[in-house]
Amino acid sequence: MAAYRQGTDNQAAQAKAERLIALFRIHGMTVPVHRSTLTSVLGDNGGPVCTHPASALTEALKDQQFTNGAATVGSRPIRSSQRFVAGEVLVLRVYCPQKLPAFEKYVNSQRYYAVVRG
């Protein structure tokens, strides 16, 4: 059974969502969802993104996501573009900046490839 608690939709949540959207645009990134979705998922405190952004489990799940997409024996780790974590860095910067240094330590410990298109 999974439980989900919707984020608080108040003036602070709307202001943070607008700030995040502006940061995405400033960094040349596509805003992945509508502002109302940001406020319902992230609320005014960052919701699930800010819960444990640099915990061992979160880091392991991120490491597992950076694979070639094959199943079982063919699965291999890959080096991805740093753009894969850039959006999360922006979310943490807006919603829980106190947790950003620990996450950046994890991000900086990874080796990334320069991607021509991405």
PDB file of N, CA and C in Angstrom:
ATOM      1  N   MET A   1       0.836  -1.162   0.000  1.00  0.00           N
ATOM      2  CA  MET A   1       0.000   0.000   0.000  1.00  0.00           C
ATOM      3  C   MET A   1       0.888   1.235   0.000  1.00  0.00           C
ATOM      4  N   ALA A   2       0.556   2.173  -0.835  1.00  0.00           N
ATOM      5  CA  ALA A   2       1.306   3.431  -0.912  1.00  0.00           C
ATOM      6  C   ALA A   2       0.422   4.567  -0.449  1.00  0.00           C
ATOM      7  N   ALA A   3       1.018   5.493   0.258  1.00  0.00           N
ATOM      8  CA  ALA A   3       0.281   6.672   0.709  1.00  0.00           C
ATOM      9  C   ALA A   3       0.961   7.905   0.171  1.00  0.00           C
ATOM     10  N   TYR A   4       0.180   8.882  -0.187  1.00  0.00           N
ATOM     11  CA  TYR A   4       0.718  10.126  -0.722  1.00  0.00           C
ATOM     12  C   TYR A   4      -0.004  11.277  -0.045  1.00  0.00           C
ATOM     13  N   ARG A   5       0.760  12.199   0.468  1.00  0.00           N
ATOM     14  CA  ARG A   5       0.177  13.387   1.075  1.00  0.00           C
ATOM     15  C   ARG A   5       0.392  14.561   0.128  1.00  0.00           C
ATOM     16  N   GLN A   6      -0.708  15.143  -0.314  1.00  0.00           N
ATOM     17  CA  GLN A   6      -0.630  16.256  -1.256  1.00  0.00           C
ATOM     18  C   GLN A   6      -0.021  17.471  -0.569  1.00  0.00           C
ATOM     19  N   GLY A   7       0.775  18.214  -1.317  1.00  0.00           N
ATOM     20  CA  GLY A   7       1.404  19.421  -0.786  1.00  0.00           C
ATOM     21  C   GLY A   7       0.387  20.511  -0.515  1.00  0.00           C
ATOM     22  N   THR A   8       0.742  21.393   0.372  1.00  0.00           N
ATOM     23  CA  THR A   8      -0.115  22.516   0.717  1.00  0.00           C
ATOM     24  C   THR A   8      -0.108  23.541  -0.401  1.00  0.00           C
ATOM     25  N   ASP A   9      -1.298  23.932  -0.851  1.00  0.00           N
ATOM     26  CA  ASP A   9      -1.403  24.940  -1.905  1.00  0.00           C
ATOM     27  C   ASP A   9      -1.744  26.271  -1.250  1.00  0.00           C
ATOM     28  N   ASN A  10      -0.707  27.016  -0.899  1.00  0.00           N
ATOM     29  CA  ASN A  10      -0.899  28.330  -0.292  1.00  0.00           C
ATOM     30  C   ASN A  10      -0.040  29.344  -1.033  1.00  0.00           C
ATOM     31  N   GLN A  11      -0.011  30.555  -0.544  1.00  0.00           N
ATOM     32  CA  GLN A  11       0.732  31.614  -1.224  1.00  0.00           C
ATOM     33  C   GLN A  11       2.232  31.305  -1.290  1.00  0.00           C
ATOM     34  N   ALA A  12       2.790  30.733  -0.216  1.00  0.00           N
ATOM     35  CA  ALA A  12       4.213  30.385  -0.205  1.00  0.00           C
ATOM     36  C   ALA A  12       4.511  29.304  -1.240  1.00  0.00           C
ATOM     37  N   ALA A  13       3.633  28.296  -1.349  1.00  0.00           N
ATOM     38  CA  ALA A  13       3.826  27.218  -2.321  1.00  0.00           C
ATOM     39  C   ALA A  13       3.758  27.760  -3.746  1.00  0.00           C
ATOM     40  N   GLN A  14       2.843  28.666  -3.999  1.00  0.00           N
ATOM     41  CA  GLN A  14       2.714  29.238  -5.337  1.00  0.00           C
ATOM     42  C   GLN A  14       3.924  30.102  -5.681  1.00  0.00           C
ATOM     43  N   ALA A  15       4.426  30.849  -4.694  1.00  0.00           N
ATOM     44  CA  ALA A  15       5.609  31.685  -4.935  1.00  0.00           C
ATOM     45  C   ALA A  15       6.841  30.824  -5.219  1.00  0.00           C
ATOM     46  N   LYS A  16       7.002  29.721  -4.487  1.00  0.00           N
ATOM     47  CA  LYS A  16       8.146  28.833  -4.717  1.00  0.00           C
ATOM     48  C   LYS A  16       8.035  28.137  -6.067  1.00  0.00           C
ATOM     49  N   ALA A  17       6.817  27.768  -6.445  1.00  0.00           N
ATOM     50  CA  ALA A  17       6.621  27.143  -7.760  1.00  0.00           C
ATOM     51  C   ALA A  17       6.987  28.128  -8.867  1.00  0.00           C
ATOM     52  N   GLU A  18       6.593  29.373  -8.735  1.00  0.00           N
ATOM     53  CA  GLU A  18       6.944  30.391  -9.727  1.00  0.00           C
ATOM     54  C   GLU A  18       8.462  30.594  -9.785  1.00  0.00           C
ATOM     55  N   ARG A  19       9.099  30.607  -8.623  1.00  0.00           N
ATOM     56  CA  ARG A  19      10.561  30.768  -8.587  1.00  0.00           C
ATOM     57  C   ARG A  19      11.248  29.586  -9.269  1.00  0.00           C
ATOM     58  N   LEU A  20      10.757  28.373  -9.013  1.00  0.00           N
ATOM     59  CA  LEU A  20      11.340  27.185  -9.632  1.00  0.00           C
ATOM     60  C   LEU A  20      11.172  27.228 -11.148  1.00  0.00           C
ATOM     61  N   ILE A  21       9.993  27.608 -11.598  1.00  0.00           N
ATOM     62  CA  ILE A  21       9.746  27.718 -13.037  1.00  0.00           C
ATOM     63  C   ILE A  21      10.712  28.723 -13.659  1.00  0.00           C
ATOM     64  N   ALA A  22      10.906  29.859 -12.985  1.00  0.00           N
ATOM     65  CA  ALA A  22      11.829  30.876 -13.492  1.00  0.00           C
ATOM     66  C   ALA A  22      13.253  30.330 -13.561  1.00  0.00           C
ATOM     67  N   LEU A  23      13.677  29.575 -12.540  1.00  0.00           N
ATOM     68  CA  LEU A  23      15.028  28.993 -12.548  1.00  0.00           C
ATOM     69  C   LEU A  23      15.196  27.983 -13.678  1.00  0.00           C
ATOM     70  N   PHE A  24      14.178  27.164 -13.907  1.00  0.00           N
ATOM     71  CA  PHE A  24      14.236  26.212 -15.017  1.00  0.00           C
ATOM     72  C   PHE A  24      14.447  26.955 -16.326  1.00  0.00           C
ATOM     73  N   ARG A  25      13.692  28.024 -16.525  1.00  0.00           N
ATOM     74  CA  ARG A  25      13.799  28.783 -17.778  1.00  0.00           C
ATOM     75  C   ARG A  25      15.144  29.486 -17.894  1.00  0.00           C
ATOM     76  N   ILE A  26      15.641  30.058 -16.793  1.00  0.00           N
ATOM     77  CA  ILE A  26      16.935  30.736 -16.806  1.00  0.00           C
ATOM     78  C   ILE A  26      18.048  29.774 -17.205  1.00  0.00           C
ATOM     79  N   HIS A  27      17.941  28.515 -16.751  1.00  0.00           N
ATOM     80  CA  HIS A  27      18.961  27.507 -17.046  1.00  0.00           C
ATOM     81  C   HIS A  27      18.709  26.779 -18.363  1.00  0.00           C
ATOM     82  N   GLY A  28      17.720  27.260 -19.142  1.00  0.00           N
ATOM     83  CA  GLY A  28      17.451  26.678 -20.451  1.00  0.00           C
ATOM     84  C   GLY A  28      16.832  25.302 -20.390  1.00  0.00           C
ATOM     85  N   MET A  29      16.123  25.027 -19.308  1.00  0.00           N
ATOM     86  CA  MET A  29      15.507  23.713 -19.141  1.00  0.00           C
ATOM     87  C   MET A  29      14.002  23.817 -19.363  1.00  0.00           C
ATOM     88  N   THR A  30      13.412  22.737 -19.840  1.00  0.00           N
ATOM     89  CA  THR A  30      11.974  22.681 -20.023  1.00  0.00           C
ATOM     90  C   THR A  30      11.308  22.494 -18.666  1.00  0.00           C
ATOM     91  N   VAL A  31      10.290  23.262 -18.400  1.00  0.00           N
ATOM     92  CA  VAL A  31       9.534  23.095 -17.155  1.00  0.00           C
ATOM     93  C   VAL A  31       8.702  21.826 -17.323  1.00  0.00           C
ATOM     94  N   PRO A  32       8.941  20.817 -16.473  1.00  0.00           N
ATOM     95  CA  PRO A  32       8.346  19.507 -16.713  1.00  0.00           C
ATOM     96  C   PRO A  32       6.836  19.414 -16.489  1.00  0.00           C
ATOM     97  N   VAL A  33       6.284  20.260 -15.633  1.00  0.00           N
ATOM     98  CA  VAL A  33       4.861  20.171 -15.316  1.00  0.00           C
ATOM     99  C   VAL A  33       4.283  21.572 -15.126  1.00  0.00           C
ATOM    100  N   HIS A  34       2.987  21.644 -15.051  1.00  0.00           N
ATOM    101  CA  HIS A  34       2.282  22.903 -14.831  1.00  0.00           C
ATOM    102  C   HIS A  34       2.486  23.366 -13.384  1.00  0.00           C
ATOM    103  N   ARG A  35       2.375  24.655 -13.154  1.00  0.00           N
ATOM    104  CA  ARG A  35       2.561  25.231 -11.822  1.00  0.00           C
ATOM    105  C   ARG A  35       1.643  24.589 -10.784  1.00  0.00           C
ATOM    106  N   SER A  36       0.405  24.295 -11.153  1.00  0.00           N
ATOM    107  CA  SER A  36      -0.526  23.690 -10.191  1.00  0.00           C
ATOM    108  C   SER A  36      -0.045  22.295  -9.765  1.00  0.00           C
ATOM    109  N   THR A  37       0.602  21.575 -10.670  1.00  0.00           N
ATOM    110  CA  THR A  37       1.153  20.267 -10.314  1.00  0.00           C
ATOM    111  C   THR A  37       2.328  20.432  -9.367  1.00  0.00           C
ATOM    112  N   LEU A  38       3.172  21.434  -9.616  1.00  0.00           N
ATOM    113  CA  LEU A  38       4.286  21.698  -8.700  1.00  0.00           C
ATOM    114  C   LEU A  38       3.787  21.993  -7.294  1.00  0.00           C
ATOM    115  N   THR A  39       2.757  22.826  -7.184  1.00  0.00           N
ATOM    116  CA  THR A  39       2.263  23.161  -5.855  1.00  0.00           C
ATOM    117  C   THR A  39       1.602  21.966  -5.178  1.00  0.00           C
ATOM    118  N   SER A  40       0.927  21.118  -5.947  1.00  0.00           N
ATOM    119  CA  SER A  40       0.272  19.966  -5.304  1.00  0.00           C
ATOM    120  C   SER A  40       1.268  18.875  -4.921  1.00  0.00           C
ATOM    121  N   VAL A  41       2.381  18.765  -5.638  1.00  0.00           N
ATOM    122  CA  VAL A  41       3.380  17.734  -5.309  1.00  0.00           C
ATOM    123  C   VAL A  41       4.396  18.254  -4.300  1.00  0.00           C
ATOM    124  N   LEU A  42       4.924  19.447  -4.536  1.00  0.00           N
ATOM    125  CA  LEU A  42       5.998  19.967  -3.687  1.00  0.00           C
ATOM    126  C   LEU A  42       5.499  20.840  -2.539  1.00  0.00           C
ATOM    127  N   GLY A  43       4.301  21.375  -2.654  1.00  0.00           N
ATOM    128  CA  GLY A  43       3.752  22.215  -1.595  1.00  0.00           C
ATOM    129  C   GLY A  43       4.650  23.398  -1.301  1.00  0.00           C
ATOM    130  N   ASP A  44       4.780  23.726  -0.019  1.00  0.00           N
ATOM    131  CA  ASP A  44       5.647  24.841   0.353  1.00  0.00           C
ATOM    132  C   ASP A  44       6.933  24.373   1.024  1.00  0.00           C
ATOM    133  N   ASN A  45       7.103  23.028   1.132  1.00  0.00           N
ATOM    134  CA  ASN A  45       8.303  22.506   1.806  1.00  0.00           C
ATOM    135  C   ASN A  45       9.116  21.527   0.956  1.00  0.00           C
ATOM    136  N   GLY A  46       8.753  21.346  -0.301  1.00  0.00           N
ATOM    137  CA  GLY A  46       9.505  20.451  -1.176  1.00  0.00           C
ATOM    138  C   GLY A  46       9.030  19.015  -1.169  1.00  0.00           C
ATOM    139  N   GLY A  47       8.119  18.691  -0.281  1.00  0.00           N
ATOM    140  CA  GLY A  47       7.531  17.355  -0.235  1.00  0.00           C
ATOM    141  C   GLY A  47       8.546  16.235  -0.266  1.00  0.00           C
ATOM    142  N   PRO A  48       8.312  15.225  -1.104  1.00  0.00           N
ATOM    143  CA  PRO A  48       9.183  14.050  -1.122  1.00  0.00           C
ATOM    144  C   PRO A  48      10.602  14.334  -1.607  1.00  0.00           C
ATOM    145  N   VAL A  49      10.800  15.382  -2.383  1.00  0.00           N
ATOM    146  CA  VAL A  49      12.142  15.693  -2.888  1.00  0.00           C
ATOM    147  C   VAL A  49      13.056  16.109  -1.744  1.00  0.00           C
ATOM    148  N   CYS A  50      12.503  16.822  -0.775  1.00  0.00           N
ATOM    149  CA  CYS A  50      13.307  17.337   0.334  1.00  0.00           C
ATOM    150  C   CYS A  50      13.343  16.404   1.542  1.00  0.00           C
ATOM    151  N   THR A  51      12.659  15.294   1.494  1.00  0.00           N
ATOM    152  CA  THR A  51      12.627  14.412   2.653  1.00  0.00           C
ATOM    153  C   THR A  51      14.012  13.893   3.002  1.00  0.00           C
ATOM    154  N   HIS A  52      14.661  13.196   2.094  1.00  0.00           N
ATOM    155  CA  HIS A  52      16.010  12.667   2.322  1.00  0.00           C
ATOM    156  C   HIS A  52      16.790  12.695   1.010  1.00  0.00           C
ATOM    157  N   PRO A  53      17.135  13.871   0.494  1.00  0.00           N
ATOM    158  CA  PRO A  53      17.748  13.932  -0.834  1.00  0.00           C
ATOM    159  C   PRO A  53      19.142  13.333  -0.930  1.00  0.00           C
ATOM    160  N   ALA A  54      19.843  13.180   0.187  1.00  0.00           N
ATOM    161  CA  ALA A  54      21.208  12.649   0.128  1.00  0.00           C
ATOM    162  C   ALA A  54      21.375  11.409   0.994  1.00  0.00           C
ATOM    163  N   SER A  55      20.280  10.699   1.253  1.00  0.00           N
ATOM    164  CA  SER A  55      20.396   9.482   2.057  1.00  0.00           C
ATOM    165  C   SER A  55      21.002   8.357   1.229  1.00  0.00           C
ATOM    166  N   ALA A  56      21.473   7.335   1.892  1.00  0.00           N
ATOM    167  CA  ALA A  56      22.099   6.207   1.193  1.00  0.00           C
ATOM    168  C   ALA A  56      21.114   5.539   0.239  1.00  0.00           C
ATOM    169  N   LEU A  57      19.862   5.403   0.648  1.00  0.00           N
ATOM    170  CA  LEU A  57      18.863   4.768  -0.222  1.00  0.00           C
ATOM    171  C   LEU A  57      18.615   5.621  -1.465  1.00  0.00           C
ATOM    172  N   THR A  58      18.476   6.911  -1.290  1.00  0.00           N
ATOM    173  CA  THR A  58      18.248   7.801  -2.426  1.00  0.00           C
ATOM    174  C   THR A  58      19.424   7.763  -3.396  1.00  0.00           C
ATOM    175  N   GLU A  59      20.638   7.792  -2.864  1.00  0.00           N
ATOM    176  CA  GLU A  59      21.818   7.727  -3.723  1.00  0.00           C
ATOM    177  C   GLU A  59      21.879   6.394  -4.467  1.00  0.00           C
ATOM    178  N   ALA A  60      21.552   5.305  -3.786  1.00  0.00           N
ATOM    179  CA  ALA A  60      21.562   3.989  -4.440  1.00  0.00           C
ATOM    180  C   ALA A  60      20.528   3.922  -5.559  1.00  0.00           C
ATOM    181  N   LEU A  61      19.352   4.493  -5.324  1.00  0.00           N
ATOM    182  CA  LEU A  61      18.320   4.499  -6.366  1.00  0.00           C
ATOM    183  C   LEU A  61      18.756   5.339  -7.561  1.00  0.00           C
ATOM    184  N   LYS A  62      19.407   6.464  -7.316  1.00  0.00           N
ATOM    185  CA  LYS A  62      19.908   7.279  -8.425  1.00  0.00           C
ATOM    186  C   LYS A  62      20.987   6.529  -9.198  1.00  0.00           C
ATOM    187  N   ASP A  63      21.893   5.879  -8.476  1.00  0.00           N
ATOM    188  CA  ASP A  63      22.937   5.098  -9.142  1.00  0.00           C
ATOM    189  C   ASP A  63      22.325   3.995  -9.997  1.00  0.00           C
ATOM    190  N   GLN A  64      21.257   3.383  -9.506  1.00  0.00           N
ATOM    191  CA  GLN A  64      20.590   2.312 -10.243  1.00  0.00           C
ATOM    192  C   GLN A  64      19.923   2.861 -11.507  1.00  0.00           C
ATOM    193  N   GLN A  65      19.480   4.100 -11.479  1.00  0.00           N
ATOM    194  CA  GLN A  65      18.811   4.680 -12.641  1.00  0.00           C
ATOM    195  C   GLN A  65      19.786   5.011 -13.764  1.00  0.00           C
ATOM    196  N   PHE A  66      21.050   5.180 -13.443  1.00  0.00           N
ATOM    197  CA  PHE A  66      22.046   5.493 -14.465  1.00  0.00           C
ATOM    198  C   PHE A  66      22.605   4.204 -15.046  1.00  0.00           C
ATOM    199  N   THR A  67      21.777   3.494 -15.788  1.00  0.00           N
ATOM    200  CA  THR A  67      22.197   2.253 -16.440  1.00  0.00           C
ATOM    201  C   THR A  67      21.833   2.316 -17.913  1.00  0.00           C
ATOM    202  N   ASN A  68      22.257   1.300 -18.647  1.00  0.00           N
ATOM    203  CA  ASN A  68      22.011   1.281 -20.087  1.00  0.00           C
ATOM    204  C   ASN A  68      20.588   0.863 -20.449  1.00  0.00           C
ATOM    205  N   GLY A  69      19.763   0.528 -19.483  1.00  0.00           N
ATOM    206  CA  GLY A  69      18.371   0.190 -19.757  1.00  0.00           C
ATOM    207  C   GLY A  69      18.119  -1.281 -20.015  1.00  0.00           C
ATOM    208  N   ALA A  70      19.158  -2.078 -20.049  1.00  0.00           N
ATOM    209  CA  ALA A  70      18.984  -3.518 -20.262  1.00  0.00           C
ATOM    210  C   ALA A  70      18.470  -4.166 -18.976  1.00  0.00           C
ATOM    211  N   ALA A  71      18.044  -5.403 -19.101  1.00  0.00           N
ATOM    212  CA  ALA A  71      17.555  -6.130 -17.938  1.00  0.00           C
ATOM    213  C   ALA A  71      18.553  -7.203 -17.531  1.00  0.00           C
ATOM    214  N   THR A  72      18.515  -7.595 -16.309  1.00  0.00           N
ATOM    215  CA  THR A  72      19.330  -8.669 -15.710  1.00  0.00           C
ATOM    216  C   THR A  72      20.797  -8.599 -16.105  1.00  0.00           C
ATOM    217  N   VAL A  73      21.303  -9.618 -16.802  1.00  0.00           N
ATOM    218  CA  VAL A  73      22.728  -9.729 -17.057  1.00  0.00           C
ATOM    219  C   VAL A  73      23.291  -8.625 -17.951  1.00  0.00           C
ATOM    220  N   GLY A  74      22.461  -8.058 -18.815  1.00  0.00           N
ATOM    221  CA  GLY A  74      22.939  -7.041 -19.737  1.00  0.00           C
ATOM    222  C   GLY A  74      23.001  -5.646 -19.141  1.00  0.00           C
ATOM    223  N   SER A  75      22.505  -5.480 -17.934  1.00  0.00           N
ATOM    224  CA  SER A  75      22.480  -4.153 -17.314  1.00  0.00           C
ATOM    225  C   SER A  75      23.883  -3.716 -16.918  1.00  0.00           C
ATOM    226  N   ARG A  76      24.249  -2.516 -17.336  1.00  0.00           N
ATOM    227  CA  ARG A  76      25.567  -1.966 -17.039  1.00  0.00           C
ATOM    228  C   ARG A  76      25.418  -0.527 -16.583  1.00  0.00           C
ATOM    229  N   PRO A  77      26.256  -0.105 -15.636  1.00  0.00           N
ATOM    230  CA  PRO A  77      26.218   1.307 -15.254  1.00  0.00           C
ATOM    231  C   PRO A  77      26.767   2.172 -16.382  1.00  0.00           C
ATOM    232  N   ILE A  78      26.275   3.376 -16.472  1.00  0.00           N
ATOM    233  CA  ILE A  78      26.753   4.313 -17.481  1.00  0.00           C
ATOM    234  C   ILE A  78      27.120   5.635 -16.805  1.00  0.00           C
ATOM    235  N   ARG A  79      27.833   6.450 -17.530  1.00  0.00           N
ATOM    236  CA  ARG A  79      28.029   7.826 -17.096  1.00  0.00           C
ATOM    237  C   ARG A  79      27.015   8.652 -17.860  1.00  0.00           C
ATOM    238  N   SER A  80      26.266   9.433 -17.143  1.00  0.00           N
ATOM    239  CA  SER A  80      25.240  10.244 -17.790  1.00  0.00           C
ATOM    240  C   SER A  80      25.673  11.699 -17.819  1.00  0.00           C
ATOM    241  N   SER A  81      24.832  12.506 -18.377  1.00  0.00           N
ATOM    242  CA  SER A  81      25.062  13.943 -18.380  1.00  0.00           C
ATOM    243  C   SER A  81      24.665  14.503 -17.017  1.00  0.00           C
ATOM    244  N   GLN A  82      25.353  15.531 -16.587  1.00  0.00           N
ATOM    245  CA  GLN A  82      25.020  16.155 -15.306  1.00  0.00           C
ATOM    246  C   GLN A  82      23.648  16.827 -15.363  1.00  0.00           C
ATOM    247  N   ARG A  83      23.114  17.021 -16.557  1.00  0.00           N
ATOM    248  CA  ARG A  83      21.780  17.608 -16.694  1.00  0.00           C
ATOM    249  C   ARG A  83      20.706  16.734 -16.069  1.00  0.00           C
ATOM    250  N   PHE A  84      20.986  15.434 -15.872  1.00  0.00           N
ATOM    251  CA  PHE A  84      20.004  14.553 -15.261  1.00  0.00           C
ATOM    252  C   PHE A  84      19.706  14.930 -13.816  1.00  0.00           C
ATOM    253  N   VAL A  85      20.649  15.539 -13.140  1.00  0.00           N
ATOM    254  CA  VAL A  85      20.427  15.933 -11.750  1.00  0.00           C
ATOM    255  C   VAL A  85      20.247  17.441 -11.596  1.00  0.00           C
ATOM    256  N   ALA A  86      20.387  18.188 -12.679  1.00  0.00           N
ATOM    257  CA  ALA A  86      20.298  19.648 -12.608  1.00  0.00           C
ATOM    258  C   ALA A  86      18.931  20.117 -12.123  1.00  0.00           C
ATOM    259  N   GLY A  87      17.881  19.463 -12.552  1.00  0.00           N
ATOM    260  CA  GLY A  87      16.530  19.841 -12.118  1.00  0.00           C
ATOM    261  C   GLY A  87      16.338  19.636 -10.628  1.00  0.00           C
ATOM    262  N   GLU A  88      16.852  18.536 -10.116  1.00  0.00           N
ATOM    263  CA  GLU A  88      16.722  18.278  -8.685  1.00  0.00           C
ATOM    264  C   GLU A  88      17.524  19.295  -7.868  1.00  0.00           C
ATOM    265  N   VAL A  89      18.670  19.682  -8.383  1.00  0.00           N
ATOM    266  CA  VAL A  89      19.462  20.714  -7.702  1.00  0.00           C
ATOM    267  C   VAL A  89      18.655  22.006  -7.602  1.00  0.00           C
ATOM    268  N   LEU A  90      17.951  22.371  -8.668  1.00  0.00           N
ATOM    269  CA  LEU A  90      17.138  23.587  -8.642  1.00  0.00           C
ATOM    270  C   LEU A  90      15.980  23.464  -7.657  1.00  0.00           C
ATOM    271  N   VAL A  91      15.346  22.293  -7.606  1.00  0.00           N
ATOM    272  CA  VAL A  91      14.251  22.081  -6.652  1.00  0.00           C
ATOM    273  C   VAL A  91      14.772  22.236  -5.227  1.00  0.00           C
ATOM    274  N   LEU A  92      15.908  21.617  -4.940  1.00  0.00           N
ATOM    275  CA  LEU A  92      16.478  21.723  -3.598  1.00  0.00           C
ATOM    276  C   LEU A  92      16.879  23.161  -3.281  1.00  0.00           C
ATOM    277  N   ARG A  93      17.378  23.887  -4.269  1.00  0.00           N
ATOM    278  CA  ARG A  93      17.774  25.281  -4.058  1.00  0.00           C
ATOM    279  C   ARG A  93      16.578  26.133  -3.632  1.00  0.00           C
ATOM    280  N   VAL A  94      15.413  25.853  -4.208  1.00  0.00           N
ATOM    281  CA  VAL A  94      14.220  26.649  -3.899  1.00  0.00           C
ATOM    282  C   VAL A  94      13.542  26.175  -2.616  1.00  0.00           C
ATOM    283  N   TYR A  95      13.347  24.863  -2.472  1.00  0.00           N
ATOM    284  CA  TYR A  95      12.497  24.350  -1.404  1.00  0.00           C
ATOM    285  C   TYR A  95      13.227  23.983  -0.113  1.00  0.00           C
ATOM    286  N   CYS A  96      14.452  23.517  -0.202  1.00  0.00           N
ATOM    287  CA  CYS A  96      15.178  23.130   1.024  1.00  0.00           C
ATOM    288  C   CYS A  96      16.675  23.362   0.835  1.00  0.00           C
ATOM    289  N   PRO A  97      17.088  24.621   0.753  1.00  0.00           N
ATOM    290  CA  PRO A  97      18.492  24.938   0.487  1.00  0.00           C
ATOM    291  C   PRO A  97      19.452  24.393   1.540  1.00  0.00           C
ATOM    292  N   GLN A  98      18.981  24.150   2.741  1.00  0.00           N
ATOM    293  CA  GLN A  98      19.847  23.604   3.790  1.00  0.00           C
ATOM    294  C   GLN A  98      20.276  22.168   3.477  1.00  0.00           C
ATOM    295  N   LYS A  99      19.550  21.465   2.621  1.00  0.00           N
ATOM    296  CA  LYS A  99      19.898  20.091   2.262  1.00  0.00           C
ATOM    297  C   LYS A  99      20.702  20.013   0.962  1.00  0.00           C
ATOM    298  N   LEU A 100      20.882  21.142   0.312  1.00  0.00           N
ATOM    299  CA  LEU A 100      21.592  21.177  -0.968  1.00  0.00           C
ATOM    300  C   LEU A 100      23.061  20.779  -0.865  1.00  0.00           C
ATOM    301  N   PRO A 101      23.824  21.219   0.144  1.00  0.00           N
ATOM    302  CA  PRO A 101      25.245  20.844   0.196  1.00  0.00           C
ATOM    303  C   PRO A 101      25.482  19.335   0.242  1.00  0.00           C
ATOM    304  N   ALA A 102      24.681  18.598   0.987  1.00  0.00           N
ATOM    305  CA  ALA A 102      24.849  17.141   1.052  1.00  0.00           C
ATOM    306  C   ALA A 102      24.553  16.500  -0.292  1.00  0.00           C
ATOM    307  N   PHE A 103      23.522  16.989  -0.985  1.00  0.00           N
ATOM    308  CA  PHE A 103      23.194  16.443  -2.290  1.00  0.00           C
ATOM    309  C   PHE A 103      24.276  16.802  -3.309  1.00  0.00           C
ATOM    310  N   GLU A 104      24.782  18.037  -3.252  1.00  0.00           N
ATOM    311  CA  GLU A 104      25.848  18.438  -4.170  1.00  0.00           C
ATOM    312  C   GLU A 104      27.116  17.627  -3.939  1.00  0.00           C
ATOM    313  N   LYS A 105      27.361  17.227  -2.704  1.00  0.00           N
ATOM    314  CA  LYS A 105      28.514  16.364  -2.423  1.00  0.00           C
ATOM    315  C   LYS A 105      28.364  15.045  -3.175  1.00  0.00           C
ATOM    316  N   TYR A 106      27.150  14.471  -3.165  1.00  0.00           N
ATOM    317  CA  TYR A 106      26.892  13.242  -3.918  1.00  0.00           C
ATOM    318  C   TYR A 106      27.054  13.501  -5.420  1.00  0.00           C
ATOM    319  N   VAL A 107      26.454  14.577  -5.914  1.00  0.00           N
ATOM    320  CA  VAL A 107      26.507  14.899  -7.345  1.00  0.00           C
ATOM    321  C   VAL A 107      27.945  15.086  -7.799  1.00  0.00           C
ATOM    322  N   ASN A 108      28.732  15.799  -7.004  1.00  0.00           N
ATOM    323  CA  ASN A 108      30.125  16.066  -7.376  1.00  0.00           C
ATOM    324  C   ASN A 108      31.016  14.830  -7.273  1.00  0.00           C
ATOM    325  N   SER A 109      30.562  13.803  -6.565  1.00  0.00           N
ATOM    326  CA  SER A 109      31.351  12.573  -6.459  1.00  0.00           C
ATOM    327  C   SER A 109      31.165  11.665  -7.675  1.00  0.00           C
ATOM    328  N   GLN A 110      30.177  11.980  -8.513  1.00  0.00           N
ATOM    329  CA  GLN A 110      29.904  11.176  -9.706  1.00  0.00           C
ATOM    330  C   GLN A 110      30.755  11.665 -10.862  1.00  0.00           C
ATOM    331  N   ARG A 111      30.953  10.785 -11.832  1.00  0.00           N
ATOM    332  CA  ARG A 111      31.664  11.171 -13.047  1.00  0.00           C
ATOM    333  C   ARG A 111      30.642  11.255 -14.169  1.00  0.00           C
ATOM    334  N   TYR A 112      30.638  12.365 -14.848  1.00  0.00           N
ATOM    335  CA  TYR A 112      29.654  12.614 -15.906  1.00  0.00           C
ATOM    336  C   TYR A 112      30.356  12.759 -17.239  1.00  0.00           C
ATOM    337  N   TYR A 113      29.609  12.464 -18.283  1.00  0.00           N
ATOM    338  CA  TYR A 113      30.091  12.685 -19.642  1.00  0.00           C
ATOM    339  C   TYR A 113      29.563  14.018 -20.137  1.00  0.00           C
ATOM    340  N   ALA A 114      30.341  14.669 -20.947  1.00  0.00           N
ATOM    341  CA  ALA A 114      29.850  15.856 -21.646  1.00  0.00           C
ATOM    342  C   ALA A 114      28.976  15.337 -22.790  1.00  0.00           C
ATOM    343  N   VAL A 115      27.755  15.770 -22.835  1.00  0.00           N
ATOM    344  CA  VAL A 115      26.816  15.305 -23.846  1.00  0.00           C
ATOM    345  C   VAL A 115      26.640  16.402 -24.885  1.00  0.00           C
ATOM    346  N   VAL A 116      26.778  16.032 -26.149  1.00  0.00           N
ATOM    347  CA  VAL A 116      26.683  17.019 -27.213  1.00  0.00           C
ATOM    348  C   VAL A 116      25.250  17.532 -27.321  1.00  0.00           C
ATOM    349  N   ARG A 117      24.286  16.628 -27.353  1.00  0.00           N
ATOM    350  CA  ARG A 117      22.871  17.013 -27.392  1.00  0.00           C
ATOM    351  C   ARG A 117      22.248  16.508 -26.114  1.00  0.00           C
ATOM    352  N   GLY A 118      21.488  17.342 -25.435  1.00  0.00           N
ATOM    353  CA  GLY A 118      20.866  16.845 -24.215  1.00  0.00           C
ATOM    354  C   GLY A 118      20.247  17.911 -23.486  1.00  0.00           C
TER     355      GLY A 118
END
